[in-house]
Protein backbone atom coordinates (compact mmCIF):
# COMPACT_ATOMS: atom_id res chain seq x y z
CA MET A 1 52.75 51.79 -227.34
CA ARG A 2 55.28 50.11 -225.14
CA LYS A 3 58.17 51.94 -226.66
CA LEU A 4 56.26 55.31 -225.74
CA ILE A 5 55.56 54.13 -222.30
CA ARG A 6 59.19 52.75 -221.43
CA LYS A 7 60.46 56.13 -223.11
CA TYR A 8 58.36 58.58 -221.20
CA PHE A 9 57.35 56.78 -218.00
CA ALA A 10 59.89 58.86 -215.68
CA PHE A 11 58.67 61.88 -217.20
CA GLY A 12 55.04 61.13 -216.53
CA MET A 13 55.71 60.15 -212.80
CA LYS A 14 57.45 63.45 -212.25
CA GLU A 15 54.54 65.43 -213.76
CA LEU A 16 52.09 63.44 -211.44
CA TYR A 17 54.57 64.27 -208.44
CA ARG A 18 54.65 67.89 -209.14
CA GLY A 19 50.91 67.78 -209.70
CA VAL A 20 50.33 66.57 -206.35
CA PHE A 21 53.39 68.28 -204.37
CA ILE A 22 53.04 72.18 -204.86
CA GLY A 23 56.54 72.65 -203.55
CA ALA A 24 57.87 70.22 -206.42
CA GLN A 25 56.11 72.17 -208.95
CA VAL A 26 57.43 75.81 -207.60
CA LYS A 27 60.95 74.30 -207.46
CA GLN A 28 60.47 73.35 -211.20
CA LEU A 29 58.94 76.72 -211.96
CA GLN A 30 62.12 78.26 -210.37
CA ARG A 31 64.04 77.45 -213.45
CA PHE A 32 62.33 80.25 -215.20
CA VAL A 33 61.33 82.71 -212.43
CA PRO A 34 64.07 82.25 -209.80
CA GLU A 35 62.59 84.68 -207.37
CA LEU A 36 59.26 82.70 -207.00
CA LYS A 37 58.83 81.44 -203.63
CA ARG A 38 56.21 78.67 -202.28
CA SER A 39 54.36 81.26 -200.54
CA ASP A 40 53.77 83.22 -203.63
CA VAL A 41 51.57 80.24 -204.84
CA ARG A 42 48.20 79.94 -203.51
CA VAL A 43 46.50 76.59 -203.41
CA ASP A 44 42.84 76.77 -202.73
CA ILE A 45 41.73 73.09 -203.73
CA GLU A 46 37.81 74.13 -204.04
CA LEU A 47 38.61 77.48 -206.26
CA PHE A 48 41.76 77.15 -208.16
CA ARG A 49 43.12 73.72 -208.30
CA GLY A 50 41.77 71.87 -211.44
CA PRO A 51 42.83 68.32 -212.93
CA ALA A 52 45.70 68.49 -215.25
CA GLY A 53 45.19 68.81 -219.06
CA VAL A 54 45.60 65.82 -221.32
CA ARG A 55 46.83 66.53 -224.92
CA ALA A 56 46.67 64.08 -227.77
CA GLN A 57 50.12 63.64 -229.37
CA ALA A 58 51.05 61.82 -232.63
CA MET A 59 53.65 59.08 -232.61
CA ASP A 60 55.93 57.48 -234.81
CA PRO A 61 56.49 53.95 -235.46
CA GLN A 62 59.66 54.09 -233.23
CA GLY A 63 57.78 55.35 -230.27
CA ASN A 64 58.95 59.04 -230.59
CA LEU A 65 56.51 61.74 -230.31
CA VAL A 66 56.04 63.96 -233.38
CA ASP A 67 56.77 67.41 -232.70
CA ASP A 68 55.32 69.17 -235.99
CA PHE A 69 52.36 68.63 -238.42
CA VAL A 70 51.74 65.37 -240.47
CA PHE A 71 50.11 65.71 -243.81
CA ASP A 72 49.42 62.48 -245.46
CA SER A 73 46.85 61.01 -247.95
CA GLY A 74 45.34 57.40 -248.42
CA LYS A 75 46.52 55.03 -251.03
CA GLY A 76 43.09 54.11 -252.74
CA PRO A 77 41.81 55.70 -255.85
CA LEU A 78 39.39 58.06 -253.64
CA SER A 79 41.37 58.25 -250.43
CA LYS A 80 44.53 59.56 -252.33
CA ARG A 81 42.51 62.70 -253.37
CA VAL A 82 42.10 63.55 -249.46
CA LEU A 83 44.60 65.24 -247.55
CA HIS A 84 44.87 64.60 -243.69
CA VAL A 85 46.40 67.20 -241.31
CA ARG A 86 47.13 65.35 -238.16
CA ASN A 87 48.97 66.61 -234.86
CA ALA A 88 47.76 70.00 -235.23
CA PRO A 89 47.51 70.79 -231.68
CA SER A 90 45.07 73.31 -230.36
CA PRO A 91 45.07 76.26 -230.66
CA GLY A 92 45.76 75.80 -234.25
CA ALA A 93 44.82 79.25 -235.19
CA THR A 94 48.10 80.44 -234.09
CA SER A 95 49.70 78.71 -237.00
CA SER A 96 46.55 78.48 -239.25
CA LEU A 97 48.01 80.45 -242.13
CA ALA A 98 51.05 78.13 -242.06
CA ILE A 99 48.86 75.07 -242.17
CA ALA A 100 46.73 76.76 -244.91
CA LYS A 101 49.90 77.47 -247.05
CA MET A 102 50.96 73.73 -246.70
CA VAL A 103 47.51 72.41 -247.44
CA ALA A 104 47.21 74.62 -250.58
CA LYS A 105 50.98 73.30 -251.64
CA GLU A 106 50.20 69.78 -251.01
CA SER A 107 46.63 69.52 -252.36
CA THR A 108 48.05 71.21 -255.53
CA PHE A 109 50.50 68.50 -255.91
CA LEU A 110 47.88 65.67 -255.15
CA VAL A 111 45.61 67.19 -257.87
CA CYS A 112 48.64 67.23 -260.48
CA LEU A 113 49.44 63.59 -259.38
CA VAL A 114 46.09 62.23 -259.56
CA THR A 115 45.55 63.79 -262.88
CA LEU A 116 49.04 62.36 -264.30
CA GLN A 117 47.81 59.07 -263.18
CA THR A 118 44.45 58.88 -264.78
């Protein structure tokens, strides 16, 4: 966890800063929409401004964020028959067919593996 914090601390602070100072957020957005001006952004605290979203993200043992789905199974006799799909960010429906294809492939492999071992 410390590796993750060390690696992304500055990024997190910048996100907090842009969440408080709308001008800084507009400057960041101008990278994508150069003609955007501060006057184009209406900030009505009571009506439009909500809290920032928090998204769960998988992390590898080295503290790097994992960008793709993670498929894994347990090691025990029963748990190795279970396939877990981790780090499937919402909305997972946008990639549900790709996930289903991978689950079908992996579960077929697991069934064959378990059958061979018994």
